[in-house]
Amino acid sequence: MRIRESSLETLMARRGIKTQVELAQLCGMNHISLNRLIKGRRKNVSGGTIDKLCEVLEAQPGDFLFYEPSVD
């Protein structure tokens, strides 16, 4: 699963969250880790991270996640 950056930005705007740093703080995450997830440099999104993002953004996982098959 990967985070769709444009969808995440839309959800952030609806909640009045202006930056990834602010979102990370609200989720109790490190902003560098969040940025790596958003930019696709880290492929695995944990269930705990999904839960935190859903809670803070008042969203469902499908609102900001998409499936990307592995390249083996």
N, C-alpha and C. Protein backbone atom coordinates (compact mmCIF):
# COMPACT_ATOMS: atom_id res chain seq x y z
N MET A 1 0.83 -1.18 0.00
CA MET A 1 0.00 0.00 0.00
C MET A 1 0.88 1.24 0.00
N ARG A 2 0.42 2.24 -0.69
CA ARG A 2 1.13 3.52 -0.73
C ARG A 2 0.14 4.63 -0.44
N ILE A 3 0.68 5.74 0.00
CA ILE A 3 -0.13 6.92 0.28
C ILE A 3 -0.22 7.76 -0.99
N ARG A 4 -1.42 8.14 -1.35
CA ARG A 4 -1.64 9.02 -2.50
C ARG A 4 -1.50 10.46 -1.99
N GLU A 5 -0.41 11.11 -2.37
CA GLU A 5 -0.07 12.43 -1.83
C GLU A 5 -1.15 13.47 -2.09
N SER A 6 -1.71 13.50 -3.29
CA SER A 6 -2.72 14.52 -3.61
C SER A 6 -3.97 14.34 -2.75
N SER A 7 -4.36 13.11 -2.50
CA SER A 7 -5.53 12.85 -1.65
C SER A 7 -5.25 13.24 -0.21
N LEU A 8 -4.05 12.94 0.24
CA LEU A 8 -3.67 13.30 1.61
C LEU A 8 -3.70 14.81 1.79
N GLU A 9 -3.18 15.54 0.80
CA GLU A 9 -3.17 17.00 0.88
C GLU A 9 -4.59 17.57 0.93
N THR A 10 -5.50 16.98 0.16
CA THR A 10 -6.90 17.41 0.17
C THR A 10 -7.51 17.18 1.55
N LEU A 11 -7.27 16.01 2.12
CA LEU A 11 -7.80 15.70 3.45
C LEU A 11 -7.21 16.63 4.50
N MET A 12 -5.93 16.91 4.38
CA MET A 12 -5.28 17.83 5.32
C MET A 12 -5.92 19.22 5.24
N ALA A 13 -6.15 19.70 4.03
CA ALA A 13 -6.74 21.02 3.84
C ALA A 13 -8.13 21.09 4.47
N ARG A 14 -8.92 20.04 4.31
CA ARG A 14 -10.27 20.01 4.89
C ARG A 14 -10.25 20.10 6.41
N ARG A 15 -9.17 19.60 7.01
CA ARG A 15 -9.04 19.63 8.47
C ARG A 15 -8.25 20.84 8.95
N GLY A 16 -7.81 21.69 8.01
CA GLY A 16 -7.05 22.89 8.39
C GLY A 16 -5.61 22.60 8.77
N ILE A 17 -5.10 21.46 8.31
CA ILE A 17 -3.71 21.08 8.59
C ILE A 17 -2.87 21.57 7.42
N LYS A 18 -1.93 22.45 7.71
CA LYS A 18 -1.20 23.13 6.65
C LYS A 18 0.08 22.44 6.19
N THR A 19 0.72 21.68 7.05
CA THR A 19 2.01 21.08 6.69
C THR A 19 2.09 19.62 7.11
N GLN A 20 3.03 18.91 6.50
CA GLN A 20 3.29 17.53 6.90
C GLN A 20 3.82 17.47 8.32
N VAL A 21 4.57 18.48 8.72
CA VAL A 21 5.10 18.53 10.09
C VAL A 21 3.94 18.59 11.08
N GLU A 22 2.95 19.43 10.79
CA GLU A 22 1.78 19.54 11.66
C GLU A 22 1.01 18.22 11.70
N LEU A 23 0.83 17.59 10.54
CA LEU A 23 0.14 16.30 10.50
C LEU A 23 0.89 15.25 11.31
N ALA A 24 2.20 15.21 11.15
CA ALA A 24 3.01 14.25 11.90
C ALA A 24 2.87 14.47 13.40
N GLN A 25 2.89 15.72 13.83
CA GLN A 25 2.74 16.03 15.26
C GLN A 25 1.38 15.56 15.77
N LEU A 26 0.33 15.82 15.01
CA LEU A 26 -1.01 15.41 15.43
C LEU A 26 -1.14 13.89 15.50
N CYS A 27 -0.37 13.19 14.66
CA CYS A 27 -0.40 11.73 14.64
C CYS A 27 0.59 11.11 15.62
N GLY A 28 1.43 11.94 16.23
CA GLY A 28 2.45 11.42 17.13
C GLY A 28 3.57 10.70 16.40
N MET A 29 3.86 11.18 15.19
CA MET A 29 4.88 10.56 14.35
C MET A 29 6.04 11.52 14.13
N ASN A 30 7.14 10.96 13.69
CA ASN A 30 8.27 11.76 13.25
C ASN A 30 7.96 12.29 11.84
N HIS A 31 8.16 13.57 11.61
CA HIS A 31 7.79 14.15 10.30
C HIS A 31 8.64 13.60 9.16
N ILE A 32 9.86 13.19 9.45
CA ILE A 32 10.71 12.61 8.40
C ILE A 32 10.16 11.25 7.97
N SER A 33 9.72 10.45 8.92
CA SER A 33 9.11 9.15 8.60
C SER A 33 7.85 9.33 7.77
N LEU A 34 7.03 10.30 8.16
CA LEU A 34 5.80 10.56 7.40
C LEU A 34 6.14 11.00 5.98
N ASN A 35 7.11 11.87 5.82
CA ASN A 35 7.50 12.33 4.49
C ASN A 35 8.00 11.17 3.64
N ARG A 36 8.75 10.26 4.22
CA ARG A 36 9.23 9.09 3.47
C ARG A 36 8.07 8.23 2.99
N LEU A 37 7.06 8.07 3.82
CA LEU A 37 5.87 7.31 3.41
C LEU A 37 5.16 8.01 2.26
N ILE A 38 4.99 9.32 2.39
CA ILE A 38 4.27 10.08 1.38
C ILE A 38 5.01 10.08 0.04
N LYS A 39 6.31 10.19 0.08
CA LYS A 39 7.12 10.25 -1.15
C LYS A 39 7.42 8.87 -1.73
N GLY A 40 6.99 7.81 -1.04
CA GLY A 40 7.19 6.46 -1.54
C GLY A 40 8.56 5.88 -1.29
N ARG A 41 9.35 6.53 -0.46
CA ARG A 41 10.68 6.01 -0.14
C ARG A 41 10.60 4.91 0.91
N ARG A 42 9.47 4.81 1.54
CA ARG A 42 9.19 3.72 2.48
C ARG A 42 7.87 3.13 2.04
N LYS A 43 7.89 1.87 1.68
CA LYS A 43 6.72 1.25 1.05
C LYS A 43 5.69 0.71 2.04
N ASN A 44 6.13 0.27 3.21
CA ASN A 44 5.22 -0.38 4.14
C ASN A 44 4.57 0.64 5.07
N VAL A 45 3.26 0.73 5.00
CA VAL A 45 2.51 1.60 5.91
C VAL A 45 1.90 0.69 6.97
N SER A 46 2.29 0.87 8.22
CA SER A 46 1.80 -0.01 9.29
C SER A 46 0.34 0.28 9.61
N GLY A 47 -0.30 -0.71 10.20
CA GLY A 47 -1.69 -0.54 10.62
C GLY A 47 -1.85 0.59 11.61
N GLY A 48 -0.88 0.73 12.52
CA GLY A 48 -0.93 1.81 13.50
C GLY A 48 -0.87 3.18 12.86
N THR A 49 -0.03 3.31 11.83
CA THR A 49 0.07 4.58 11.11
C THR A 49 -1.22 4.89 10.38
N ILE A 50 -1.79 3.87 9.75
CA ILE A 50 -3.07 4.06 9.05
C ILE A 50 -4.14 4.50 10.05
N ASP A 51 -4.19 3.85 11.20
CA ASP A 51 -5.17 4.22 12.24
C ASP A 51 -5.01 5.68 12.65
N LYS A 52 -3.77 6.10 12.90
CA LYS A 52 -3.52 7.48 13.33
C LYS A 52 -3.94 8.48 12.26
N LEU A 53 -3.57 8.20 11.01
CA LEU A 53 -3.94 9.11 9.92
C LEU A 53 -5.46 9.19 9.76
N CYS A 54 -6.13 8.04 9.84
CA CYS A 54 -7.59 8.03 9.72
C CYS A 54 -8.24 8.84 10.83
N GLU A 55 -7.75 8.67 12.04
CA GLU A 55 -8.32 9.40 13.18
C GLU A 55 -8.13 10.90 13.03
N VAL A 56 -6.92 11.33 12.74
CA VAL A 56 -6.62 12.76 12.64
C VAL A 56 -7.33 13.39 11.45
N LEU A 57 -7.36 12.68 10.32
CA LEU A 57 -7.94 13.24 9.09
C LEU A 57 -9.44 12.98 8.98
N GLU A 58 -9.98 12.21 9.94
CA GLU A 58 -11.40 11.82 9.89
C GLU A 58 -11.72 11.23 8.52
N ALA A 59 -10.94 10.20 8.17
CA ALA A 59 -11.03 9.60 6.85
C ALA A 59 -10.98 8.08 6.95
N GLN A 60 -11.22 7.43 5.84
CA GLN A 60 -11.09 5.99 5.71
C GLN A 60 -9.79 5.69 4.96
N PRO A 61 -9.19 4.51 5.16
CA PRO A 61 -7.94 4.19 4.48
C PRO A 61 -7.99 4.37 2.96
N GLY A 62 -9.10 4.00 2.36
CA GLY A 62 -9.24 4.13 0.91
C GLY A 62 -9.25 5.56 0.42
N ASP A 63 -9.42 6.50 1.33
CA ASP A 63 -9.41 7.91 0.94
C ASP A 63 -8.01 8.40 0.59
N PHE A 64 -6.96 7.71 1.08
CA PHE A 64 -5.60 8.19 0.84
C PHE A 64 -4.59 7.09 0.52
N LEU A 65 -5.02 5.83 0.52
CA LEU A 65 -4.12 4.72 0.21
C LEU A 65 -4.48 4.10 -1.13
N PHE A 66 -3.48 3.54 -1.80
CA PHE A 66 -3.74 2.77 -3.01
C PHE A 66 -2.79 1.59 -3.05
N TYR A 67 -3.20 0.56 -3.77
CA TYR A 67 -2.40 -0.65 -3.89
C TYR A 67 -1.40 -0.50 -5.03
N GLU A 68 -0.16 -0.87 -4.75
CA GLU A 68 0.88 -0.88 -5.78
C GLU A 68 1.58 -2.23 -5.70
N PRO A 69 1.43 -3.06 -6.74
CA PRO A 69 2.04 -4.38 -6.69
C PRO A 69 3.56 -4.31 -6.57
N SER A 70 4.14 -5.31 -5.90
CA SER A 70 5.60 -5.39 -5.78
C SER A 70 6.20 -5.77 -7.11
N VAL A 71 7.38 -5.28 -7.34
CA VAL A 71 8.12 -5.67 -8.54
C VAL A 71 9.19 -6.65 -8.10
N ASP A 72 9.00 -7.92 -8.46
CA ASP A 72 9.97 -8.96 -8.06
C ASP A 72 10.79 -9.41 -9.23
